[in-house]
Amino acid sequence: MNPQLPIVNVLETLRLMSPEIFLFIWALVVITVDLFSSRKNDSLVGYTALVGIVIAGGLLAVTGEGVAFGAMFINDPLAIFFKIIFLGAAFMAVGSSFGITKQKVQNHRGEFYGLILFSTVGMMFLASSQELVSLYIGLELTTIPLFVLAAFYKDDKLSVESGIKYFVIGAFSSAMLLYGFSFLYGMSGTTKLLQMSVNIASIHLSYQSIGFTILIANVCILAGIGFKLALPPFHQWAPDVYEGAPTPIAAFLSVGSKAAGLVAFAKIFLIGLWGFIGVEMKPNDWGVLVGILSAVAMIIGNVVAIRQTDIKRMLAYSSIAQAGYIMIGMLALNEHGISSVAFYTFVYLFANMGAFAAVTVFEDKTGSTEIGNYKGLSQTSPFFAVVLSIFMLSLAGIPPLGGFMAKYKVFAAAIDQATMPGTFKWLYWLVGVGLLTSVFSLYYYVNVIKQMYFTKEASIYTMTFNKPVLIVLIICLVGVFVTGIYPEPILDFTDKIYTAFSFSVLK
């Protein structure tokens, strides 16, 4: 059989890819601006990067939906929504970095900001990918710049160690993912996700022996994506990398990279392998396996976070637990499931990026990330204490903040699925684990607030804010309140994402 190249409408392709193409070129512009400014202006390059992200967001707003490259590149509600999250995470990471680029990254600001933009481009291509090869390339373009960024403090042993750990484990997970992809291609004869689902299902009906092969593919792919999501047992890298990496990069990892992993998971399992969740398809039920990983993530993340004295390590374990909550919504194959995942990720963008931005401000001022050093900040820096407290309460899921609504949506989606006929009753237990571990999480989130408010002596530090980080904090503050009090506009958009998945046709 002679392979046929897809018919490409060049103008339509350029229109749909204009945000990605522009941001890639702009990353080169950022590096060039830093070079020609002789690296003397400590804010010019950062503002240039912020302008590029805003312009890319404007292009995304006017681009709209469409299909290019023979349906290999698709701008659908799923892609558009997560591209907004990726651009938002990049904007906040750059805005939070002005302090560290003034103090610790004086000679390589262009490369620092440029790598953030390159990674964002990879995330955006990943969100629009509809076949395995381009999805893998997008995932690698996302991850490779992050290897460098994690070790950007080259004179800091912790930073170099975090970069090496991230690189080694990332390379291994990438190999596992590609190995799993090879099984799927071998069984289906195609790299297009939707066609792959149809081909494998039809072959399975005739040849039951491929069941074990599907199981191996599922395990390999889960190992690869589990690394991106920091799902146990693939989470060991997260605390060390978060602690050693520049704090804005740790924030970008916790939101941008995690959101990219969620998109990859959704496309592979909810489009390519969605049929393998019923009792008739056992032992190919990836749902139960993911449910176990979700439960373990919530337990390990919340329990181990209680013992942390470093706030970056605490937030690392918090992100592991948050991944477990998000996967509860991923297991609900109904109109609320993928919507709840998207909404949770959107809320998490504001709460987590805001928390890390506040931690960055404190670290820039004090050089410390120890929770004990936050004592008495409410007396000397009341705005800082209030803002950080709000982000912590949102991550804990306290109403009326966005974190409460996000948890409610994923739990409600799972319960709705559990009430349906079939073998989903175990989702009740998973929701129970989620509710119980949410109570545990209150301890370590509120502990930060306790340090700031319930000590007699005032802090010796007074927090000051540069304009970009202040803008980031205000945006995040507004985000957690709006998504908690008036989430309907966001939920209306996320409800459209359901139509991007093949199983929605059968409902």
Protein backbone atom coordinates (compact mmCIF):
# COMPACT_ATOMS: atom_id res chain seq x y z
CA MET A 1 0.00 0.00 0.00
CA ASN A 2 1.42 3.37 -1.00
CA PRO A 3 1.13 5.97 1.77
CA GLN A 4 -0.66 9.17 0.81
CA LEU A 5 0.30 12.56 2.15
CA PRO A 6 -2.57 14.59 3.64
CA ILE A 7 -4.01 17.36 1.51
CA VAL A 8 -2.86 20.60 3.14
CA ASN A 9 -4.58 23.98 2.78
CA VAL A 10 -1.56 26.17 3.46
CA LEU A 11 -3.46 29.33 4.34
CA GLU A 12 -5.88 27.53 6.66
CA THR A 13 -2.99 25.69 8.31
CA LEU A 14 -1.07 28.91 8.88
CA ARG A 15 -4.19 30.54 10.32
CA LEU A 16 -4.86 27.71 12.78
CA MET A 17 -1.20 27.45 13.79
CA SER A 18 -0.60 31.20 13.99
CA PRO A 19 -0.42 31.33 17.83
CA GLU A 20 2.15 28.53 17.95
CA ILE A 21 4.19 29.86 15.01
CA PHE A 22 4.19 33.38 16.44
CA LEU A 23 5.22 32.27 19.93
CA PHE A 24 8.06 30.15 18.53
CA ILE A 25 9.40 33.10 16.55
CA TRP A 26 8.90 35.41 19.52
CA ALA A 27 11.02 33.12 21.70
CA LEU A 28 13.87 33.70 19.24
CA VAL A 29 13.13 37.45 19.40
CA VAL A 30 13.38 37.37 23.21
CA ILE A 31 16.80 35.71 23.05
CA THR A 32 17.94 38.22 20.40
CA VAL A 33 16.72 41.21 22.43
CA ASP A 34 18.73 39.99 25.40
CA LEU A 35 21.80 39.63 23.21
CA PHE A 36 21.56 43.11 21.64
CA SER A 37 20.76 44.82 24.94
CA SER A 38 24.12 43.55 26.26
CA ARG A 39 22.17 41.98 29.16
CA LYS A 40 22.23 45.32 31.01
CA ASN A 41 18.48 45.87 31.33
CA ASP A 42 17.09 43.44 33.89
CA SER A 43 13.43 43.90 32.92
CA LEU A 44 13.38 44.56 29.14
CA VAL A 45 13.61 40.89 28.19
CA GLY A 46 10.95 39.87 30.70
CA TYR A 47 8.49 42.49 29.45
CA THR A 48 9.23 41.40 25.87
CA ALA A 49 8.32 37.82 26.78
CA LEU A 50 5.11 38.95 28.50
CA VAL A 51 4.07 40.97 25.44
CA GLY A 52 4.63 37.94 23.21
CA ILE A 53 2.45 35.73 25.42
CA VAL A 54 -0.35 38.31 25.38
CA ILE A 55 -0.18 38.61 21.58
CA ALA A 56 -0.25 34.81 21.24
CA GLY A 57 -3.35 34.80 23.43
CA GLY A 58 -4.95 37.40 21.17
CA LEU A 59 -4.17 35.31 18.09
CA LEU A 60 -5.71 32.27 19.80
CA ALA A 61 -8.87 34.26 20.51
CA VAL A 62 -9.38 35.19 16.85
CA THR A 63 -8.21 31.88 15.35
CA GLY A 64 -11.21 29.80 16.43
CA GLU A 65 -11.83 26.15 15.70
CA GLY A 66 -10.67 24.22 12.66
CA VAL A 67 -8.81 21.23 11.24
CA ALA A 68 -5.45 21.10 9.45
CA PHE A 69 -2.94 18.55 8.14
CA GLY A 70 -5.50 15.90 7.35
CA ALA A 71 -7.05 16.07 10.84
CA MET A 72 -3.64 15.65 12.52
CA PHE A 73 -3.89 19.19 13.95
CA ILE A 74 -7.26 20.15 15.42
CA ASN A 75 -8.36 23.31 17.17
CA ASP A 76 -11.39 22.08 19.12
CA PRO A 77 -12.78 23.26 22.50
CA LEU A 78 -10.34 20.94 24.32
CA ALA A 79 -7.31 22.38 22.54
CA ILE A 80 -8.41 26.00 22.86
CA PHE A 81 -9.22 25.73 26.56
CA PHE A 82 -5.94 24.10 27.51
CA LYS A 83 -3.96 26.50 25.33
CA ILE A 84 -5.43 29.28 27.46
CA ILE A 85 -4.16 27.45 30.55
CA PHE A 86 -0.69 26.97 29.01
CA LEU A 87 -0.40 30.64 28.05
CA GLY A 88 -1.68 31.68 31.47
CA ALA A 89 0.89 29.49 33.22
CA ALA A 90 3.68 30.88 31.02
CA PHE A 91 2.57 34.47 31.68
CA MET A 92 2.55 33.90 35.43
CA ALA A 93 5.88 32.05 35.41
CA VAL A 94 7.53 34.89 33.49
CA GLY A 95 5.86 37.55 35.67
CA SER A 96 7.10 35.80 38.81
CA SER A 97 10.67 35.59 37.49
CA PHE A 98 11.63 39.28 37.45
CA GLY A 99 13.14 39.01 40.93
CA ILE A 100 15.32 35.98 40.22
CA THR A 101 16.48 37.28 36.83
CA LYS A 102 17.66 40.45 38.57
CA GLN A 103 19.55 38.57 41.27
CA LYS A 104 20.48 35.05 40.10
CA VAL A 105 20.02 34.89 36.30
CA GLN A 106 21.82 38.01 35.17
CA ASN A 107 23.71 36.70 32.15
CA HIS A 108 21.17 34.35 30.58
CA ARG A 109 17.78 36.07 30.90
CA GLY A 110 16.98 35.65 27.22
CA GLU A 111 17.60 31.92 27.31
CA PHE A 112 15.59 31.62 30.55
CA TYR A 113 12.49 33.31 29.15
CA GLY A 114 12.97 31.83 25.69
CA LEU A 115 12.96 28.28 27.05
CA ILE A 116 9.70 28.97 28.89
CA LEU A 117 8.16 30.10 25.60
CA PHE A 118 9.55 27.10 23.69
CA SER A 119 8.07 24.74 26.28
CA THR A 120 4.72 26.54 25.96
CA VAL A 121 4.80 26.06 22.20
CA GLY A 122 5.23 22.32 22.75
CA MET A 123 2.25 22.27 25.09
CA MET A 124 0.10 24.11 22.55
CA PHE A 125 1.01 21.73 19.72
CA LEU A 126 0.29 18.81 22.03
CA ALA A 127 -3.19 20.17 22.77
CA SER A 128 -4.05 20.20 19.05
CA SER A 129 -2.43 16.90 18.15
CA GLN A 130 -4.73 14.09 17.08
CA GLU A 131 -2.22 11.36 16.32
CA LEU A 132 0.59 9.63 18.17
CA VAL A 133 3.72 10.96 16.44
CA SER A 134 2.85 14.65 16.64
CA LEU A 135 1.58 14.13 20.18
CA TYR A 136 4.92 12.62 21.18
CA ILE A 137 6.87 15.43 19.51
CA GLY A 138 4.75 18.01 21.30
CA LEU A 139 5.34 16.27 24.61
CA GLU A 140 9.10 16.22 24.06
CA LEU A 141 9.19 19.87 23.00
CA THR A 142 7.36 20.57 26.26
CA THR A 143 9.76 18.59 28.42
CA ILE A 144 13.26 19.18 27.00
CA PRO A 145 13.36 22.94 27.77
CA LEU A 146 12.18 22.12 31.29
CA PHE A 147 15.23 19.88 31.82
CA VAL A 148 17.43 22.92 31.26
CA LEU A 149 15.25 25.29 33.26
CA ALA A 150 15.21 22.97 36.29
CA ALA A 151 19.02 23.16 36.44
CA PHE A 152 19.30 26.83 35.52
CA TYR A 153 21.12 27.79 38.74
CA LYS A 154 24.30 26.11 37.52
CA ASP A 155 26.27 27.18 40.61
CA ASP A 156 23.66 25.70 42.97
CA LYS A 157 24.14 22.01 43.75
CA LEU A 158 20.44 21.49 44.46
CA SER A 159 19.44 23.01 41.12
CA VAL A 160 21.94 20.94 39.16
CA GLU A 161 20.86 17.82 41.02
CA SER A 162 17.20 18.55 40.27
CA GLY A 163 17.96 19.01 36.58
CA ILE A 164 19.89 15.73 36.38
CA LYS A 165 17.15 13.80 38.19
CA TYR A 166 14.46 15.33 36.01
CA PHE A 167 16.44 14.54 32.86
CA VAL A 168 17.22 10.92 33.73
CA ILE A 169 13.71 10.03 34.88
CA GLY A 170 12.18 12.04 32.05
CA ALA A 171 14.26 10.21 29.44
CA PHE A 172 13.25 6.85 30.90
CA SER A 173 9.54 7.80 30.98
CA SER A 174 9.77 9.06 27.41
CA ALA A 175 11.19 5.71 26.30
CA MET A 176 8.40 3.88 28.11
CA LEU A 177 5.79 6.08 26.46
CA LEU A 178 7.23 5.53 23.00
CA TYR A 179 7.41 1.79 23.65
CA GLY A 180 3.71 1.78 24.53
CA PHE A 181 2.94 3.77 21.38
CA SER A 182 4.73 1.15 19.29
CA PHE A 183 2.36 -1.54 20.60
CA LEU A 184 -0.68 0.56 19.73
CA TYR A 185 0.63 1.23 16.24
CA GLY A 186 1.50 -2.42 15.73
CA MET A 187 -2.01 -3.54 16.64
CA SER A 188 -3.95 -0.81 14.84
CA GLY A 189 -1.78 -0.02 11.82
CA THR A 190 -2.39 3.71 12.28
CA THR A 191 -1.18 6.60 14.41
CA LYS A 192 -4.48 8.51 14.21
CA LEU A 193 -6.15 8.20 17.58
CA LEU A 194 -9.78 7.85 16.55
CA GLN A 195 -9.05 5.34 13.81
CA MET A 196 -6.76 3.48 16.20
CA SER A 197 -9.64 3.00 18.64
CA VAL A 198 -11.87 1.56 15.91
CA ASN A 199 -9.16 -0.74 14.54
CA ILE A 200 -8.10 -2.17 17.91
CA ALA A 201 -11.70 -2.76 19.00
CA SER A 202 -12.51 -4.64 15.79
CA ILE A 203 -9.35 -6.76 16.03
CA HIS A 204 -10.06 -7.56 19.68
CA LEU A 205 -13.44 -9.02 18.82
CA SER A 206 -11.77 -11.49 16.47
CA TYR A 207 -8.53 -12.17 18.32
CA GLN A 208 -8.88 -12.22 22.11
CA SER A 209 -5.15 -12.97 22.39
CA ILE A 210 -4.25 -9.30 21.83
CA GLY A 211 -5.66 -8.50 25.27
CA PHE A 212 -2.30 -9.02 26.97
CA THR A 213 -0.61 -6.79 24.40
CA ILE A 214 -3.11 -4.02 25.10
CA LEU A 215 -2.44 -4.39 28.81
CA ILE A 216 1.32 -3.99 28.28
CA ALA A 217 0.70 -0.92 26.11
CA ASN A 218 -1.53 0.58 28.80
CA VAL A 219 1.07 0.04 31.53
CA CYS A 220 3.89 1.53 29.44
CA ILE A 221 1.84 4.59 28.48
CA LEU A 222 0.65 5.09 32.05
CA ALA A 223 4.27 4.97 33.21
CA GLY A 224 5.25 7.62 30.67
CA ILE A 225 2.36 9.97 31.38
CA GLY A 226 2.41 9.19 35.10
CA PHE A 227 5.82 10.86 35.20
CA LYS A 228 4.37 14.07 33.75
CA LEU A 229 1.51 13.99 36.24
CA ALA A 230 3.71 12.88 39.19
CA LEU A 231 1.38 9.98 39.90
CA PRO A 232 2.80 7.33 42.27
CA PRO A 233 4.96 5.35 41.83
CA PHE A 234 6.34 7.82 39.27
CA HIS A 235 6.36 10.78 41.67
CA GLN A 236 9.73 10.46 43.38
CA TRP A 237 11.35 13.15 41.23
CA ALA A 238 8.84 15.88 42.09
CA PRO A 239 9.88 16.98 45.62
CA ASP A 240 13.59 17.13 44.78
CA VAL A 241 13.07 18.88 41.45
CA TYR A 242 10.62 21.40 42.90
CA GLU A 243 13.03 22.16 45.75
CA GLY A 244 16.08 22.65 43.53
CA ALA A 245 14.55 24.32 40.48
CA PRO A 246 13.99 28.08 40.32
CA THR A 247 10.67 28.67 42.08
CA PRO A 248 8.82 30.09 39.03
CA ILE A 249 9.94 27.03 37.07
CA ALA A 250 8.66 24.74 39.83
CA ALA A 251 5.32 26.56 39.46
CA PHE A 252 5.40 26.13 35.69
CA LEU A 253 6.15 22.44 36.14
CA SER A 254 3.29 21.97 38.59
CA VAL A 255 0.69 23.56 36.31
CA GLY A 256 1.88 23.67 32.69
CA SER A 257 3.61 20.31 32.52
CA LYS A 258 0.84 18.64 34.54
CA ALA A 259 -1.85 20.11 32.25
CA ALA A 260 0.10 18.85 29.21
CA GLY A 261 0.17 15.38 30.74
CA LEU A 262 -3.59 15.54 31.31
CA VAL A 263 -4.20 16.44 27.68
CA ALA A 264 -1.96 13.59 26.53
CA PHE A 265 -3.78 11.15 28.83
CA ALA A 266 -7.20 12.32 27.66
CA LYS A 267 -6.31 12.03 23.99
CA ILE A 268 -4.73 8.58 24.27
CA PHE A 269 -7.13 6.91 26.68
CA LEU A 270 -10.40 8.78 26.19
CA ILE A 271 -10.13 8.89 22.39
CA GLY A 272 -7.77 6.08 21.41
CA LEU A 273 -8.66 3.51 24.07
CA TRP A 274 -11.98 4.63 25.51
CA GLY A 275 -13.66 1.32 24.75
CA PHE A 276 -11.46 -0.62 27.15
CA ILE A 277 -13.26 0.25 30.37
CA GLY A 278 -16.11 -2.29 30.48
CA VAL A 279 -16.31 -5.68 32.17
CA GLU A 280 -16.33 -7.42 28.79
CA MET A 281 -12.89 -5.99 28.03
CA LYS A 282 -11.05 -7.23 31.15
CA PRO A 283 -8.12 -7.55 31.76
CA ASN A 284 -7.74 -4.44 29.60
CA ASP A 285 -9.56 -2.18 32.05
CA TRP A 286 -7.24 0.80 32.42
CA GLY A 287 -9.88 2.52 34.54
CA VAL A 288 -9.29 0.40 37.66
CA LEU A 289 -5.52 0.79 37.32
CA VAL A 290 -5.81 4.57 37.04
CA GLY A 291 -8.22 4.57 39.98
CA ILE A 292 -5.62 2.80 42.13
CA LEU A 293 -2.93 5.31 41.09
CA SER A 294 -5.33 8.16 41.89
CA ALA A 295 -6.06 6.82 45.38
CA VAL A 296 -2.36 6.26 46.13
CA ALA A 297 -1.54 9.78 44.89
CA MET A 298 -4.10 11.35 47.22
CA ILE A 299 -2.90 9.30 50.20
CA ILE A 300 0.86 9.71 49.68
CA GLY A 301 0.66 13.34 48.59
CA ASN A 302 -1.43 14.51 51.54
CA VAL A 303 0.13 12.35 54.25
CA VAL A 304 3.77 13.03 53.35
CA ALA A 305 3.09 16.76 52.85
CA ILE A 306 2.22 17.02 56.53
CA ARG A 307 5.82 16.23 57.51
CA GLN A 308 7.46 18.81 55.20
CA THR A 309 9.21 21.88 56.60
CA ASP A 310 10.20 23.31 53.21
CA ILE A 311 7.27 25.03 51.51
CA LYS A 312 8.40 24.06 47.99
CA ARG A 313 8.56 20.39 48.96
CA MET A 314 5.18 20.75 50.65
CA LEU A 315 3.68 22.19 47.46
CA ALA A 316 5.34 19.38 45.49
CA TYR A 317 3.52 16.74 47.53
CA SER A 318 0.40 18.87 47.30
CA SER A 319 0.66 18.73 43.50
CA ILE A 320 0.89 14.93 43.69
CA ALA A 321 -2.33 14.86 45.69
CA GLN A 322 -3.98 17.33 43.30
CA ALA A 323 -3.16 15.00 40.38
CA GLY A 324 -5.01 12.26 42.22
CA TYR A 325 -8.11 14.45 42.57
CA ILE A 326 -8.01 15.41 38.91
CA MET A 327 -7.84 11.77 37.79
CA ILE A 328 -11.13 11.08 39.60
CA GLY A 329 -12.84 13.31 37.06
CA MET A 330 -10.92 11.66 34.21
CA LEU A 331 -12.46 8.30 35.14
CA ALA A 332 -16.01 9.63 34.75
CA LEU A 333 -16.89 8.96 31.11
CA ASN A 334 -19.88 11.30 31.08
CA GLU A 335 -20.58 14.88 30.09
CA HIS A 336 -19.38 16.10 33.50
CA GLY A 337 -16.13 14.11 33.69
CA ILE A 338 -13.80 15.78 31.22
CA SER A 339 -15.51 19.11 31.95
CA SER A 340 -14.63 18.75 35.63
CA VAL A 341 -11.01 17.93 34.75
CA ALA A 342 -10.69 21.04 32.60
CA PHE A 343 -12.35 23.24 35.23
CA TYR A 344 -10.16 21.81 38.01
CA THR A 345 -7.02 22.50 35.98
CA PHE A 346 -8.19 26.06 35.30
CA VAL A 347 -8.76 26.72 39.01
CA TYR A 348 -5.47 25.03 39.88
CA LEU A 349 -3.72 27.45 37.52
CA PHE A 350 -4.69 30.44 39.68
CA ALA A 351 -4.33 28.84 43.12
CA ASN A 352 -0.99 27.11 42.55
CA MET A 353 0.69 29.74 40.40
CA GLY A 354 -0.41 32.36 42.94
CA ALA A 355 0.98 30.34 45.85
CA PHE A 356 4.31 29.83 44.07
CA ALA A 357 4.45 33.52 43.10
CA ALA A 358 4.10 34.44 46.79
CA VAL A 359 6.77 31.89 47.72
CA THR A 360 9.03 33.42 45.05
CA VAL A 361 8.60 36.88 46.59
CA PHE A 362 9.51 35.52 50.03
CA GLU A 363 12.49 33.57 48.71
CA ASP A 364 13.79 36.61 46.79
CA LYS A 365 13.61 38.66 49.99
CA THR A 366 14.93 36.14 52.51
CA GLY A 367 16.73 33.42 50.56
CA SER A 368 14.70 30.86 52.53
CA THR A 369 11.88 28.45 51.72
CA GLU A 370 11.42 27.15 55.27
CA ILE A 371 7.82 27.33 56.50
CA GLY A 372 9.05 28.30 59.96
CA ASN A 373 10.44 31.57 58.59
CA TYR A 374 6.93 32.74 57.66
CA LYS A 375 6.21 33.46 61.34
CA GLY A 376 4.64 36.83 62.07
CA LEU A 377 4.36 38.00 58.45
CA SER A 378 0.77 39.12 59.06
CA GLN A 379 2.12 41.96 61.19
CA THR A 380 4.79 43.27 58.84
CA SER A 381 3.32 42.24 55.45
CA PRO A 382 -0.49 41.98 55.81
CA PHE A 383 -1.22 41.95 52.06
CA PHE A 384 1.26 39.14 51.48
CA ALA A 385 -0.18 37.11 54.37
CA VAL A 386 -3.77 37.54 53.18
CA VAL A 387 -2.97 36.62 49.58
CA LEU A 388 -0.95 33.51 50.46
CA SER A 389 -3.64 32.42 52.93
CA ILE A 390 -6.32 32.66 50.23
CA PHE A 391 -4.29 30.53 47.84
CA MET A 392 -3.67 27.92 50.53
CA LEU A 393 -7.38 27.77 51.41
CA SER A 394 -8.30 27.41 47.73
CA LEU A 395 -5.87 24.51 47.33
CA ALA A 396 -7.45 22.94 50.42
CA GLY A 397 -10.91 23.27 48.85
CA ILE A 398 -12.51 25.78 51.22
CA PRO A 399 -15.61 27.66 49.96
CA PRO A 400 -16.28 30.14 48.45
CA LEU A 401 -12.94 29.83 46.65
CA GLY A 402 -12.42 28.06 43.33
CA GLY A 403 -10.76 25.04 44.87
CA PHE A 404 -13.99 24.02 46.57
CA MET A 405 -15.99 24.18 43.34
CA ALA A 406 -13.25 22.27 41.47
CA LYS A 407 -13.27 19.39 43.97
CA TYR A 408 -17.06 19.36 44.02
CA LYS A 409 -17.21 19.03 40.23
CA VAL A 410 -14.80 16.07 40.00
CA PHE A 411 -16.45 14.25 42.90
CA ALA A 412 -19.93 14.87 41.49
CA ALA A 413 -18.86 13.60 38.05
CA ALA A 414 -17.49 10.39 39.56
CA ILE A 415 -20.61 9.80 41.67
CA ASP A 416 -22.79 10.38 38.63
CA GLN A 417 -20.79 7.71 36.77
CA ALA A 418 -20.98 5.33 39.74
CA THR A 419 -24.79 5.45 39.66
CA MET A 420 -24.84 4.27 36.04
CA PRO A 421 -25.36 0.56 35.23
CA GLY A 422 -22.06 -1.27 34.92
CA THR A 423 -18.97 -1.89 36.98
CA PHE A 424 -18.29 1.60 38.28
CA LYS A 425 -19.43 1.19 41.89
CA TRP A 426 -15.79 1.33 43.02
CA LEU A 427 -15.83 5.03 42.16
CA TYR A 428 -17.76 5.58 45.41
CA TRP A 429 -14.72 4.33 47.30
CA LEU A 430 -12.42 6.55 45.27
CA VAL A 431 -14.52 9.62 46.06
CA GLY A 432 -14.47 8.57 49.71
CA VAL A 433 -10.67 8.50 49.67
CA GLY A 434 -10.71 11.94 48.05
CA LEU A 435 -12.99 13.40 50.72
CA LEU A 436 -10.98 11.89 53.57
CA THR A 437 -7.60 13.01 52.25
CA SER A 438 -8.99 16.50 51.63
CA VAL A 439 -9.47 16.73 55.39
CA PHE A 440 -5.82 15.69 55.90
CA SER A 441 -4.69 18.42 53.52
CA LEU A 442 -6.15 21.10 55.77
CA TYR A 443 -3.38 20.45 58.29
CA TYR A 444 -0.42 21.44 56.13
CA TYR A 445 -2.17 24.23 54.24
CA VAL A 446 -3.47 25.84 57.44
CA ASN A 447 -0.06 25.35 59.08
CA VAL A 448 1.35 28.03 56.75
CA ILE A 449 -1.47 30.37 57.77
CA LYS A 450 -0.84 29.54 61.43
CA GLN A 451 2.80 30.53 61.09
CA MET A 452 1.88 33.90 59.63
CA TYR A 453 -1.00 34.80 61.97
CA PHE A 454 -0.73 32.95 65.27
CA THR A 455 2.69 33.91 66.59
CA LYS A 456 3.25 36.78 69.01
CA GLU A 457 6.50 38.12 67.60
CA ALA A 458 6.47 40.09 64.36
CA SER A 459 8.50 38.93 61.40
CA ILE A 460 11.83 40.58 60.75
CA TYR A 461 10.95 40.71 57.04
CA THR A 462 8.73 43.08 55.08
CA MET A 463 7.61 41.88 51.66
CA THR A 464 7.86 44.22 48.66
CA PHE A 465 6.55 43.51 45.17
CA ASN A 466 7.74 44.43 41.70
CA LYS A 467 4.98 45.29 39.24
CA PRO A 468 4.92 42.02 37.24
CA VAL A 469 4.64 39.75 40.30
CA LEU A 470 2.02 42.07 41.80
CA ILE A 471 -0.02 41.74 38.60
CA VAL A 472 0.35 37.94 38.77
CA LEU A 473 -0.83 37.88 42.39
CA ILE A 474 -3.85 40.06 41.65
CA ILE A 475 -4.82 37.97 38.59
CA CYS A 476 -4.58 34.78 40.64
CA LEU A 477 -6.50 36.34 43.51
CA VAL A 478 -9.34 37.38 41.20
CA GLY A 479 -9.24 33.96 39.52
CA VAL A 480 -9.75 31.92 42.70
CA PHE A 481 -12.67 34.13 43.78
CA VAL A 482 -14.41 34.31 40.40
CA THR A 483 -14.17 30.56 39.76
CA GLY A 484 -15.59 29.91 43.21
CA ILE A 485 -18.41 32.48 43.26
CA TYR A 486 -19.39 32.72 39.58
CA PRO A 487 -18.01 29.67 37.71
CA GLU A 488 -20.86 29.41 35.18
CA PRO A 489 -19.08 31.05 32.17
CA ILE A 490 -16.09 28.73 32.56
CA LEU A 491 -18.30 25.68 33.09
CA ASP A 492 -20.33 26.55 29.99
CA PHE A 493 -17.13 26.49 27.95
CA THR A 494 -15.76 23.32 29.53
CA ASP A 495 -19.05 21.53 28.82
CA LYS A 496 -18.27 21.87 25.10
CA ILE A 497 -15.07 19.85 25.54
CA TYR A 498 -17.13 16.67 25.93
CA THR A 499 -17.99 16.70 22.22
CA ALA A 500 -14.31 16.29 21.31
CA PHE A 501 -14.35 12.68 22.51
CA SER A 502 -15.60 9.70 20.58
CA PHE A 503 -17.53 8.14 23.47
CA SER A 504 -19.81 11.21 23.62
CA VAL A 505 -21.45 10.03 20.38
CA LEU A 506 -22.75 6.92 22.12
CA LYS A 507 -24.39 8.74 25.03
